Amino acid sequence: MNIATLRVFCDVVLHQSFSRGASANEVSQSAATQSINRLEKHLGSVLIDRGKRPFVLTPEGQICYEAFRDILEIYDNAAQLIKSPESNVRGQLRVAAIYSVGLNEMSRCMKEFMQTFPKSKVNLEYLHPSKIYTAVLNCEADLGIVSYPTASQEIDTIPLRSENMVLICPPAHPLAKRESVDVKELAEHEFIAFDRTLIIRKELDRYFRHYGQHVGISMEFDNIETIKQAVESGLGISIVPEPSVRHESQYGRIAARTLTPDVPKRPIGIIHRHRKMFTQTAKKFIEMISEGLGTPQ
C-alpha cells in the first residue's frame, strides 16, 4: 500500500466513478480497479459495494476514506512545505468563495497576491455556500471564504470582517428619499428575501422577530445578484450587505439606506479543515486576504 493507491481510492470515491478517479490520476480504469482490489485484499475488507448503482462505500470504506483523505492532506502539505521554504512562496492554492464576497475586491486581492508571489498559483472558484463546506471537507478546496462562518469538529474558522447590512430599493421608491429607514416601516412594502435555507435569511428573520416585525415576502432567491436585479426592476425592496451594492449605489441604479434602530451585520470569514497544515502559499494568502478584505465596515 502506498500514497498513489490511497489517492486513487479517494479520487474514485470523490468523483463517484472509477473512470473519473482513474483519469484524475492519469491511469487506466483497469489499473485503478486493480489498485483498489489490492487495497481491499491488503485490509481484508470490502471498501466499495459495486453491486449498487451508483456504487456506495461500505462502513469500512467510509472509515478508510475519511482516514486516507487526512493522510493525503498531511502528506501533500508536508511535501509542499519542503518544496516551498519561508523565503520562496510557490505552488498551487485552491480557494472557494461565495459570489457576494465582492468580485472586485477578490479580483484585486488575487492580482496583488500573484504579482507579489509570481511562483504561486491560486485557483479561485465561486460556489454556493453549502458546496464550499463540502469542497473544504473533501479536500477539493484548501480554503473557503463564506458568510457566517460556522466551526465544527472538522471545520475551523478565521474571521475576516463584519459587513453592515442596508435596505435597498429602486431610486424612485418612496423610501429612497430618506437618509435612514426604521425597520417598522418595511411591512408596508413588497419584500424580496433570501431563500429560507440560507443562513443570511435565518439571521434576517431573527432580526425581524427581535423588533416584532412582519414583512410581506413576495419573492425568494438564493443569491444576492438575482435579488439586486429584482430590486432594480422595481419588484420590491430588500436587505443585503452594503459592499455587495456599492457599485450599483454609486451609479444610481439602486438606493441603499441605513436601517434603524439597529444595523444588522454579516460576518465574513475563512473556513478550513481542522488541524490543516498551511503551506507558505496558504499562509501568505490568508495574510494578504485578511488585509484586503478585513477592513471593518
C-alpha atoms as a PDB file:
ATOM      1  CA  MET A   1       0.000   0.000   0.000  1.00  0.00           C
ATOM      2  CA  ASN A   2       1.406   3.424  -0.998  1.00  0.00           C
ATOM      3  CA  ILE A   3       0.355   7.054  -1.356  1.00  0.00           C
ATOM      4  CA  ALA A   4      -0.605   6.578  -5.012  1.00  0.00           C
ATOM      5  CA  THR A   5      -3.027   3.787  -4.047  1.00  0.00           C
ATOM      6  CA  LEU A   6      -4.658   5.905  -1.352  1.00  0.00           C
ATOM      7  CA  ARG A   7      -5.011   8.777  -3.811  1.00  0.00           C
ATOM      8  CA  VAL A   8      -6.673   6.592  -6.445  1.00  0.00           C
ATOM      9  CA  PHE A   9      -9.137   5.255  -3.874  1.00  0.00           C
ATOM     10  CA  CYS A  10     -10.022   8.734  -2.576  1.00  0.00           C
ATOM     11  CA  ASP A  11     -10.457  10.159  -6.089  1.00  0.00           C
ATOM     12  CA  VAL A  12     -12.690   7.260  -7.160  1.00  0.00           C
ATOM     13  CA  VAL A  13     -14.871   7.908  -4.096  1.00  0.00           C
ATOM     14  CA  LEU A  14     -14.818  11.690  -4.553  1.00  0.00           C
ATOM     15  CA  HIS A  15     -15.857  11.510  -8.217  1.00  0.00           C
ATOM     16  CA  GLN A  16     -18.201   8.560  -7.636  1.00  0.00           C
ATOM     17  CA  SER A  17     -16.648   6.941 -10.686  1.00  0.00           C
ATOM     18  CA  PHE A  18     -13.808   4.519 -11.365  1.00  0.00           C
ATOM     19  CA  SER A  19     -13.172   6.094 -14.761  1.00  0.00           C
ATOM     20  CA  ARG A  20     -13.068   9.686 -13.492  1.00  0.00           C
ATOM     21  CA  GLY A  21     -10.969   8.682 -10.490  1.00  0.00           C
ATOM     22  CA  ALA A  22      -8.545   6.916 -12.812  1.00  0.00           C
ATOM     23  CA  SER A  23      -8.416   9.929 -15.131  1.00  0.00           C
ATOM     24  CA  ALA A  24      -7.625  12.246 -12.207  1.00  0.00           C
ATOM     25  CA  ASN A  25      -4.559  10.107 -11.516  1.00  0.00           C
ATOM     26  CA  GLU A  26      -3.655   9.616 -15.167  1.00  0.00           C
ATOM     27  CA  VAL A  27      -4.034   5.827 -15.035  1.00  0.00           C
ATOM     28  CA  SER A  28      -6.366   3.460 -16.853  1.00  0.00           C
ATOM     29  CA  GLN A  29      -9.680   2.417 -15.349  1.00  0.00           C
ATOM     30  CA  SER A  30      -8.378  -1.146 -15.192  1.00  0.00           C
ATOM     31  CA  ALA A  31      -5.316  -0.001 -13.249  1.00  0.00           C
ATOM     32  CA  ALA A  32      -7.490   1.939 -10.803  1.00  0.00           C
ATOM     33  CA  THR A  33      -9.760  -1.058 -10.278  1.00  0.00           C
ATOM     34  CA  GLN A  34      -6.803  -3.368  -9.676  1.00  0.00           C
ATOM     35  CA  SER A  35      -5.269  -0.851  -7.274  1.00  0.00           C
ATOM     36  CA  ILE A  36      -8.433  -0.756  -5.152  1.00  0.00           C
ATOM     37  CA  ASN A  37      -8.756  -4.545  -5.304  1.00  0.00           C
ATOM     38  CA  ARG A  38      -5.226  -4.856  -3.907  1.00  0.00           C
ATOM     39  CA  LEU A  39      -6.074  -2.324  -1.194  1.00  0.00           C
ATOM     40  CA  GLU A  40      -9.160  -4.294  -0.172  1.00  0.00           C
ATOM     41  CA  LYS A  41      -7.129  -7.535  -0.119  1.00  0.00           C
ATOM     42  CA  HIS A  42      -4.437  -5.870   1.978  1.00  0.00           C
ATOM     43  CA  LEU A  43      -7.010  -4.629   4.519  1.00  0.00           C
ATOM     44  CA  GLY A  44      -9.106  -7.791   4.397  1.00  0.00           C
ATOM     45  CA  SER A  45     -12.326  -5.797   3.884  1.00  0.00           C
ATOM     46  CA  VAL A  46     -14.592  -4.783   1.035  1.00  0.00           C
ATOM     47  CA  LEU A  47     -14.440  -0.980   0.828  1.00  0.00           C
ATOM     48  CA  ILE A  48     -16.743  -0.322  -2.141  1.00  0.00           C
ATOM     49  CA  ASP A  49     -20.079  -2.063  -2.732  1.00  0.00           C
ATOM     50  CA  ARG A  50     -20.025  -2.438  -6.520  1.00  0.00           C
ATOM     51  CA  GLY A  51     -23.381  -4.208  -6.572  1.00  0.00           C
ATOM     52  CA  LYS A  52     -25.246  -0.909  -6.319  1.00  0.00           C
ATOM     53  CA  ARG A  53     -25.554   1.787  -8.988  1.00  0.00           C
ATOM     54  CA  PRO A  54     -24.028   4.184  -8.290  1.00  0.00           C
ATOM     55  CA  PHE A  55     -21.643   2.292  -6.029  1.00  0.00           C
ATOM     56  CA  VAL A  56     -21.614   3.064  -2.307  1.00  0.00           C
ATOM     57  CA  LEU A  57     -18.978   2.819   0.382  1.00  0.00           C
ATOM     58  CA  THR A  58     -19.227   0.073   2.950  1.00  0.00           C
ATOM     59  CA  PRO A  59     -18.854   1.141   6.603  1.00  0.00           C
ATOM     60  CA  GLU A  60     -15.210   0.043   6.394  1.00  0.00           C
ATOM     61  CA  GLY A  61     -14.815   2.031   3.180  1.00  0.00           C
ATOM     62  CA  GLN A  62     -16.190   5.177   4.823  1.00  0.00           C
ATOM     63  CA  ILE A  63     -13.685   4.837   7.676  1.00  0.00           C
ATOM     64  CA  CYS A  64     -10.852   4.396   5.193  1.00  0.00           C
ATOM     65  CA  TYR A  65     -11.978   7.305   3.005  1.00  0.00           C
ATOM     66  CA  GLU A  66     -12.011   9.763   5.899  1.00  0.00           C
ATOM     67  CA  ALA A  67      -8.664   8.495   7.252  1.00  0.00           C
ATOM     68  CA  PHE A  68      -6.909   8.318   3.863  1.00  0.00           C
ATOM     69  CA  ARG A  69      -8.159  11.797   2.988  1.00  0.00           C
ATOM     70  CA  ASP A  70      -6.455  13.142   6.116  1.00  0.00           C
ATOM     71  CA  ILE A  71      -3.262  11.201   5.359  1.00  0.00           C
ATOM     72  CA  LEU A  72      -3.111  12.594   1.821  1.00  0.00           C
ATOM     73  CA  GLU A  73      -3.670  16.148   3.022  1.00  0.00           C
ATOM     74  CA  ILE A  74      -0.872  15.856   5.599  1.00  0.00           C
ATOM     75  CA  TYR A  75       1.446  14.286   3.013  1.00  0.00           C
ATOM     76  CA  ASP A  76       0.695  16.904   0.332  1.00  0.00           C
ATOM     77  CA  ASN A  77       1.126  19.764   2.779  1.00  0.00           C
ATOM     78  CA  ALA A  78       4.403  18.352   4.094  1.00  0.00           C
ATOM     79  CA  ALA A  79       5.702  17.887   0.561  1.00  0.00           C
ATOM     80  CA  GLN A  80       4.713  21.441  -0.298  1.00  0.00           C
ATOM     81  CA  LEU A  81       6.409  22.821   2.816  1.00  0.00           C
ATOM     82  CA  ILE A  82       9.651  21.074   1.858  1.00  0.00           C
ATOM     83  CA  LYS A  83       9.477  22.470  -1.676  1.00  0.00           C
ATOM     84  CA  SER A  84       8.458  25.962  -0.527  1.00  0.00           C
ATOM     85  CA  PRO A  85      10.661  27.385   2.235  1.00  0.00           C
ATOM     86  CA  GLU A  86       9.681  30.616   4.006  1.00  0.00           C
ATOM     87  CA  SER A  87      11.547  32.769   1.506  1.00  0.00           C
ATOM     88  CA  ASN A  88      10.127  31.041  -1.564  1.00  0.00           C
ATOM     89  CA  VAL A  89       6.318  31.106  -1.776  1.00  0.00           C
ATOM     90  CA  ARG A  90       5.239  28.864  -4.628  1.00  0.00           C
ATOM     91  CA  GLY A  91       2.782  26.143  -5.528  1.00  0.00           C
ATOM     92  CA  GLN A  92      -0.969  25.881  -6.000  1.00  0.00           C
ATOM     93  CA  LEU A  93      -3.720  27.002  -3.638  1.00  0.00           C
ATOM     94  CA  ARG A  94      -7.382  26.134  -4.189  1.00  0.00           C
ATOM     95  CA  VAL A  95      -9.891  28.681  -2.881  1.00  0.00           C
ATOM     96  CA  ALA A  96     -13.701  28.508  -2.969  1.00  0.00           C
ATOM     97  CA  ALA A  97     -15.703  31.683  -2.268  1.00  0.00           C
ATOM     98  CA  ILE A  98     -19.273  32.915  -2.213  1.00  0.00           C
ATOM     99  CA  TYR A  99     -20.170  35.306  -5.045  1.00  0.00           C
ATOM    100  CA  SER A 100     -21.226  38.082  -2.704  1.00  0.00           C
ATOM    101  CA  VAL A 101     -17.828  38.394  -1.024  1.00  0.00           C
ATOM    102  CA  GLY A 102     -17.135  41.086  -3.612  1.00  0.00           C
ATOM    103  CA  LEU A 103     -15.933  40.256  -7.112  1.00  0.00           C
ATOM    104  CA  ASN A 104     -13.960  43.483  -7.453  1.00  0.00           C
ATOM    105  CA  GLU A 105     -12.284  43.085  -4.073  1.00  0.00           C
ATOM    106  CA  MET A 106     -11.424  39.440  -4.682  1.00  0.00           C
ATOM    107  CA  SER A 107     -10.030  40.218  -8.131  1.00  0.00           C
ATOM    108  CA  ARG A 108      -7.857  42.966  -6.681  1.00  0.00           C
ATOM    109  CA  CYS A 109      -6.550  40.715  -3.896  1.00  0.00           C
ATOM    110  CA  MET A 110      -5.872  37.855  -6.310  1.00  0.00           C
ATOM    111  CA  LYS A 111      -3.991  40.110  -8.723  1.00  0.00           C
ATOM    112  CA  GLU A 112      -1.919  41.630  -5.935  1.00  0.00           C
ATOM    113  CA  PHE A 113      -1.082  38.209  -4.486  1.00  0.00           C
ATOM    114  CA  MET A 114       0.097  36.692  -7.761  1.00  0.00           C
ATOM    115  CA  GLN A 115       2.104  39.795  -8.605  1.00  0.00           C
ATOM    116  CA  THR A 116       3.808  39.626  -5.205  1.00  0.00           C
ATOM    117  CA  PHE A 117       4.376  35.863  -5.432  1.00  0.00           C
ATOM    118  CA  PRO A 118       4.695  35.046  -9.149  1.00  0.00           C
ATOM    119  CA  LYS A 119       5.665  31.422  -8.491  1.00  0.00           C
ATOM    120  CA  SER A 120       2.335  30.765  -6.783  1.00  0.00           C
ATOM    121  CA  LYS A 121      -0.956  29.882  -8.444  1.00  0.00           C
ATOM    122  CA  VAL A 122      -4.357  30.443  -6.862  1.00  0.00           C
ATOM    123  CA  ASN A 123      -7.342  28.651  -8.357  1.00  0.00           C
ATOM    124  CA  LEU A 124     -10.476  30.567  -7.327  1.00  0.00           C
ATOM    125  CA  GLU A 125     -13.938  29.084  -7.743  1.00  0.00           C
ATOM    126  CA  TYR A 126     -17.241  30.712  -6.795  1.00  0.00           C
ATOM    127  CA  LEU A 127     -19.737  28.290  -5.261  1.00  0.00           C
ATOM    128  CA  HIS A 128     -22.977  28.087  -3.295  1.00  0.00           C
ATOM    129  CA  PRO A 129     -22.212  28.323   0.469  1.00  0.00           C
ATOM    130  CA  SER A 130     -23.123  24.693   1.222  1.00  0.00           C
ATOM    131  CA  LYS A 131     -20.895  23.471  -1.603  1.00  0.00           C
ATOM    132  CA  ILE A 132     -17.952  25.418  -0.173  1.00  0.00           C
ATOM    133  CA  TYR A 133     -18.154  23.461   3.091  1.00  0.00           C
ATOM    134  CA  THR A 134     -18.356  20.214   1.107  1.00  0.00           C
ATOM    135  CA  ALA A 135     -15.380  21.214  -1.058  1.00  0.00           C
ATOM    136  CA  VAL A 136     -13.277  22.027   2.018  1.00  0.00           C
ATOM    137  CA  LEU A 137     -14.245  18.793   3.791  1.00  0.00           C
ATOM    138  CA  ASN A 138     -13.499  16.732   0.664  1.00  0.00           C
ATOM    139  CA  CYS A 139     -10.123  18.468   0.194  1.00  0.00           C
ATOM    140  CA  GLU A 140     -11.284  19.906  -3.136  1.00  0.00           C
ATOM    141  CA  ALA A 141     -10.568  23.368  -1.738  1.00  0.00           C
ATOM    142  CA  ASP A 142      -7.820  24.361   0.682  1.00  0.00           C
ATOM    143  CA  LEU A 143      -9.699  27.442   1.905  1.00  0.00           C
ATOM    144  CA  GLY A 144     -13.284  28.645   1.746  1.00  0.00           C
ATOM    145  CA  ILE A 145     -14.488  32.235   2.044  1.00  0.00           C
ATOM    146  CA  VAL A 146     -18.052  32.347   3.371  1.00  0.00           C
ATOM    147  CA  SER A 147     -20.517  34.466   5.272  1.00  0.00           C
ATOM    148  CA  TYR A 148     -21.497  33.459   8.817  1.00  0.00           C
ATOM    149  CA  PRO A 149     -18.550  31.018   9.022  1.00  0.00           C
ATOM    150  CA  THR A 150     -19.505  28.055  11.203  1.00  0.00           C
ATOM    151  CA  ALA A 151     -16.971  25.948  13.068  1.00  0.00           C
ATOM    152  CA  SER A 152     -17.443  22.235  13.736  1.00  0.00           C
ATOM    153  CA  GLN A 153     -15.378  19.203  14.714  1.00  0.00           C
ATOM    154  CA  GLU A 154     -13.980  19.128  11.174  1.00  0.00           C
ATOM    155  CA  ILE A 155     -14.004  22.836  10.300  1.00  0.00           C
ATOM    156  CA  ASP A 156     -12.067  25.754  11.791  1.00  0.00           C
ATOM    157  CA  THR A 157     -12.747  29.418  11.024  1.00  0.00           C
ATOM    158  CA  ILE A 158     -10.704  32.602  10.642  1.00  0.00           C
ATOM    159  CA  PRO A 159     -12.695  35.882  10.915  1.00  0.00           C
ATOM    160  CA  LEU A 160     -12.165  38.491   8.189  1.00  0.00           C
ATOM    161  CA  ARG A 161     -14.673  41.304   8.668  1.00  0.00           C
ATOM    162  CA  SER A 162     -18.210  42.264   9.639  1.00  0.00           C
ATOM    163  CA  GLU A 163     -20.336  43.974   6.982  1.00  0.00           C
ATOM    164  CA  ASN A 164     -23.186  46.394   7.579  1.00  0.00           C
ATOM    165  CA  MET A 165     -26.479  45.345   6.010  1.00  0.00           C
ATOM    166  CA  VAL A 166     -28.505  48.022   4.237  1.00  0.00           C
ATOM    167  CA  LEU A 167     -32.005  48.456   2.897  1.00  0.00           C
ATOM    168  CA  ILE A 168     -32.033  48.614  -0.918  1.00  0.00           C
ATOM    169  CA  CYS A 169     -34.807  49.916  -3.131  1.00  0.00           C
ATOM    170  CA  PRO A 170     -35.237  51.475  -6.600  1.00  0.00           C
ATOM    171  CA  PRO A 171     -34.066  55.125  -6.759  1.00  0.00           C
ATOM    172  CA  ALA A 172     -37.644  56.287  -7.399  1.00  0.00           C
ATOM    173  CA  HIS A 173     -39.043  54.359  -4.417  1.00  0.00           C
ATOM    174  CA  PRO A 174     -40.546  56.480  -1.564  1.00  0.00           C
ATOM    175  CA  LEU A 175     -38.021  55.049   0.924  1.00  0.00           C
ATOM    176  CA  ALA A 176     -35.146  56.240  -1.281  1.00  0.00           C
ATOM    177  CA  LYS A 177     -35.910  59.820  -0.237  1.00  0.00           C
ATOM    178  CA  ARG A 178     -34.933  59.036   3.341  1.00  0.00           C
ATOM    179  CA  GLU A 179     -31.422  59.040   4.859  1.00  0.00           C
ATOM    180  CA  SER A 180     -32.384  56.126   7.101  1.00  0.00           C
ATOM    181  CA  VAL A 181     -35.369  53.791   7.384  1.00  0.00           C
ATOM    182  CA  ASP A 182     -36.917  52.354  10.536  1.00  0.00           C
ATOM    183  CA  VAL A 183     -37.367  48.575  10.384  1.00  0.00           C
ATOM    184  CA  LYS A 184     -41.013  49.067  11.411  1.00  0.00           C
ATOM    185  CA  GLU A 185     -41.745  50.691   8.041  1.00  0.00           C
ATOM    186  CA  LEU A 186     -40.760  47.662   5.974  1.00  0.00           C
ATOM    187  CA  ALA A 187     -44.048  45.827   6.495  1.00  0.00           C
ATOM    188  CA  GLU A 188     -45.754  48.322   4.168  1.00  0.00           C
ATOM    189  CA  HIS A 189     -43.714  47.263   1.134  1.00  0.00           C
ATOM    190  CA  GLU A 190     -43.141  44.161  -1.008  1.00  0.00           C
ATOM    191  CA  PHE A 191     -40.030  42.439   0.328  1.00  0.00           C
ATOM    192  CA  ILE A 192     -37.602  40.320  -1.714  1.00  0.00           C
ATOM    193  CA  ALA A 193     -35.962  37.793   0.595  1.00  0.00           C
ATOM    194  CA  PHE A 194     -33.126  35.306   0.532  1.00  0.00           C
ATOM    195  CA  ASP A 195     -34.018  31.635   0.231  1.00  0.00           C
ATOM    196  CA  ARG A 196     -35.069  30.296   3.612  1.00  0.00           C
ATOM    197  CA  THR A 197     -32.341  27.613   3.555  1.00  0.00           C
ATOM    198  CA  LEU A 198     -29.575  30.244   3.699  1.00  0.00           C
ATOM    199  CA  ILE A 199     -28.045  31.414   6.986  1.00  0.00           C
ATOM    200  CA  ILE A 200     -28.404  35.073   5.965  1.00  0.00           C
ATOM    201  CA  ARG A 201     -32.190  34.559   5.681  1.00  0.00           C
ATOM    202  CA  LYS A 202     -32.354  32.956   9.108  1.00  0.00           C
ATOM    203  CA  GLU A 203     -30.384  35.847  10.606  1.00  0.00           C
ATOM    204  CA  LEU A 204     -32.645  38.446   8.983  1.00  0.00           C
ATOM    205  CA  ASP A 205     -35.738  36.567  10.184  1.00  0.00           C
ATOM    206  CA  ARG A 206     -34.253  36.712  13.683  1.00  0.00           C
ATOM    207  CA  TYR A 207     -33.653  40.439  13.218  1.00  0.00           C
ATOM    208  CA  PHE A 208     -37.322  40.997  12.290  1.00  0.00           C
ATOM    209  CA  ARG A 209     -38.556  38.889  15.200  1.00  0.00           C
ATOM    210  CA  HIS A 210     -36.393  40.892  17.599  1.00  0.00           C
ATOM    211  CA  TYR A 211     -38.296  44.034  16.617  1.00  0.00           C
ATOM    212  CA  GLY A 212     -41.637  42.235  16.395  1.00  0.00           C
ATOM    213  CA  GLN A 213     -41.962  42.980  12.695  1.00  0.00           C
ATOM    214  CA  HIS A 214     -43.512  41.008   9.866  1.00  0.00           C
ATOM    215  CA  VAL A 215     -42.513  41.675   6.265  1.00  0.00           C
ATOM    216  CA  GLY A 216     -44.574  40.688   3.242  1.00  0.00           C
ATOM    217  CA  ILE A 217     -42.251  38.436   1.259  1.00  0.00           C
ATOM    218  CA  SER A 218     -43.133  38.484  -2.422  1.00  0.00           C
ATOM    219  CA  MET A 219     -40.089  36.633  -3.795  1.00  0.00           C
ATOM    220  CA  GLU A 220     -37.228  34.471  -2.557  1.00  0.00           C
ATOM    221  CA  PHE A 221     -33.841  33.959  -4.226  1.00  0.00           C
ATOM    222  CA  ASP A 222     -30.704  32.045  -3.283  1.00  0.00           C
ATOM    223  CA  ASN A 223     -28.184  34.709  -4.339  1.00  0.00           C
ATOM    224  CA  ILE A 224     -27.596  38.436  -3.990  1.00  0.00           C
ATOM    225  CA  GLU A 225     -27.169  39.116  -7.709  1.00  0.00           C
ATOM    226  CA  THR A 226     -30.722  37.993  -8.520  1.00  0.00           C
ATOM    227  CA  ILE A 227     -32.099  39.976  -5.571  1.00  0.00           C
ATOM    228  CA  LYS A 228     -30.333  43.114  -6.826  1.00  0.00           C
ATOM    229  CA  GLN A 229     -31.746  42.617 -10.314  1.00  0.00           C
ATOM    230  CA  ALA A 230     -35.259  42.221  -8.921  1.00  0.00           C
ATOM    231  CA  VAL A 231     -34.914  45.416  -6.874  1.00  0.00           C
ATOM    232  CA  GLU A 232     -33.524  47.318  -9.880  1.00  0.00           C
ATOM    233  CA  SER A 233     -36.565  46.164 -11.855  1.00  0.00           C
ATOM    234  CA  GLY A 234     -38.879  47.728  -9.255  1.00  0.00           C
ATOM    235  CA  LEU A 235     -40.250  44.435  -7.908  1.00  0.00           C
ATOM    236  CA  GLY A 236     -39.671  45.287  -4.260  1.00  0.00           C
ATOM    237  CA  ILE A 237     -37.173  46.170  -1.533  1.00  0.00           C
ATOM    238  CA  SER A 238     -34.611  44.021   0.243  1.00  0.00           C
ATOM    239  CA  ILE A 239     -31.783  43.947   2.793  1.00  0.00           C
ATOM    240  CA  VAL A 240     -28.288  42.984   1.638  1.00  0.00           C
ATOM    241  CA  PRO A 241     -24.647  43.550   2.694  1.00  0.00           C
ATOM    242  CA  GLU A 242     -23.558  47.103   1.830  1.00  0.00           C
ATOM    243  CA  PRO A 243     -20.355  46.103  -0.063  1.00  0.00           C
ATOM    244  CA  SER A 244     -22.414  43.968  -2.452  1.00  0.00           C
ATOM    245  CA  VAL A 245     -24.354  47.017  -3.744  1.00  0.00           C
ATOM    246  CA  ARG A 246     -21.661  49.669  -3.519  1.00  0.00           C
ATOM    247  CA  HIS A 247     -21.185  49.755  -7.291  1.00  0.00           C
ATOM    248  CA  GLU A 248     -24.919  49.941  -8.098  1.00  0.00           C
ATOM    249  CA  SER A 249     -25.414  52.615  -5.445  1.00  0.00           C
ATOM    250  CA  GLN A 250     -22.582  54.782  -6.771  1.00  0.00           C
ATOM    251  CA  TYR A 251     -24.066  54.711 -10.280  1.00  0.00           C
ATOM    252  CA  GLY A 252     -27.620  55.416  -9.105  1.00  0.00           C
ATOM    253  CA  ARG A 253     -29.081  52.058 -10.110  1.00  0.00           C
ATOM    254  CA  ILE A 254     -30.059  51.173  -6.544  1.00  0.00           C
ATOM    255  CA  ALA A 255     -30.653  53.306  -3.452  1.00  0.00           C
ATOM    256  CA  ALA A 256     -29.003  51.955  -0.288  1.00  0.00           C
ATOM    257  CA  ARG A 257     -30.265  53.268   3.046  1.00  0.00           C
ATOM    258  CA  THR A 258     -29.248  52.731   6.673  1.00  0.00           C
ATOM    259  CA  LEU A 259     -31.603  50.709   8.859  1.00  0.00           C
ATOM    260  CA  THR A 260     -32.607  51.878  12.324  1.00  0.00           C
ATOM    261  CA  PRO A 261     -32.750  51.488  15.266  1.00  0.00           C
ATOM    262  CA  ASP A 262     -30.083  48.793  14.827  1.00  0.00           C
ATOM    263  CA  VAL A 263     -27.922  47.886  11.829  1.00  0.00           C
ATOM    264  CA  PRO A 264     -27.754  44.117  11.162  1.00  0.00           C
ATOM    265  CA  LYS A 265     -24.307  42.708  10.397  1.00  0.00           C
ATOM    266  CA  ARG A 266     -22.988  39.931   8.174  1.00  0.00           C
ATOM    267  CA  PRO A 267     -19.675  38.334   9.229  1.00  0.00           C
ATOM    268  CA  ILE A 268     -17.265  37.115   6.549  1.00  0.00           C
ATOM    269  CA  GLY A 269     -14.568  34.559   7.293  1.00  0.00           C
ATOM    270  CA  ILE A 270     -12.296  31.806   6.054  1.00  0.00           C
ATOM    271  CA  ILE A 271     -13.010  28.133   6.704  1.00  0.00           C
ATOM    272  CA  HIS A 272     -10.514  25.282   6.514  1.00  0.00           C
ATOM    273  CA  ARG A 273     -10.234  21.686   7.630  1.00  0.00           C
ATOM    274  CA  HIS A 274      -9.433  21.176  11.306  1.00  0.00           C
ATOM    275  CA  ARG A 275      -5.700  20.816  12.051  1.00  0.00           C
ATOM    276  CA  LYS A 276      -4.785  21.656   8.473  1.00  0.00           C
ATOM    277  CA  MET A 277      -1.075  22.255   7.867  1.00  0.00           C
ATOM    278  CA  PHE A 278      -0.809  25.507   5.924  1.00  0.00           C
ATOM    279  CA  THR A 279       1.788  25.817   3.194  1.00  0.00           C
ATOM    280  CA  GLN A 280       3.702  29.088   2.888  1.00  0.00           C
ATOM    281  CA  THR A 281       1.459  29.948  -0.056  1.00  0.00           C
ATOM    282  CA  ALA A 282      -1.657  29.450   2.090  1.00  0.00           C
ATOM    283  CA  LYS A 283      -0.173  31.445   4.987  1.00  0.00           C
ATOM    284  CA  LYS A 284       0.719  34.395   2.766  1.00  0.00           C
ATOM    285  CA  PHE A 285      -2.654  34.284   1.024  1.00  0.00           C
ATOM    286  CA  ILE A 286      -4.525  34.342   4.345  1.00  0.00           C
ATOM    287  CA  GLU A 287      -2.357  37.230   5.481  1.00  0.00           C
ATOM    288  CA  MET A 288      -2.991  39.235   2.321  1.00  0.00           C
ATOM    289  CA  ILE A 289      -6.708  38.441   2.072  1.00  0.00           C
ATOM    290  CA  SER A 290      -7.133  39.410   5.733  1.00  0.00           C
ATOM    291  CA  GLU A 291      -5.638  42.812   4.979  1.00  0.00           C
ATOM    292  CA  GLY A 292      -7.559  43.240   1.719  1.00  0.00           C
ATOM    293  CA  LEU A 293     -10.975  42.010   2.873  1.00  0.00           C
ATOM    294  CA  GLY A 294     -10.654  42.622   6.579  1.00  0.00           C
ATOM    295  CA  THR A 295     -11.423  46.331   6.603  1.00  0.00           C
ATOM    296  CA  PRO A 296     -14.137  46.975   9.233  1.00  0.00           C
ATOM    297  CA  GLN A 297     -17.397  48.400   7.932  1.00  0.00           C
END
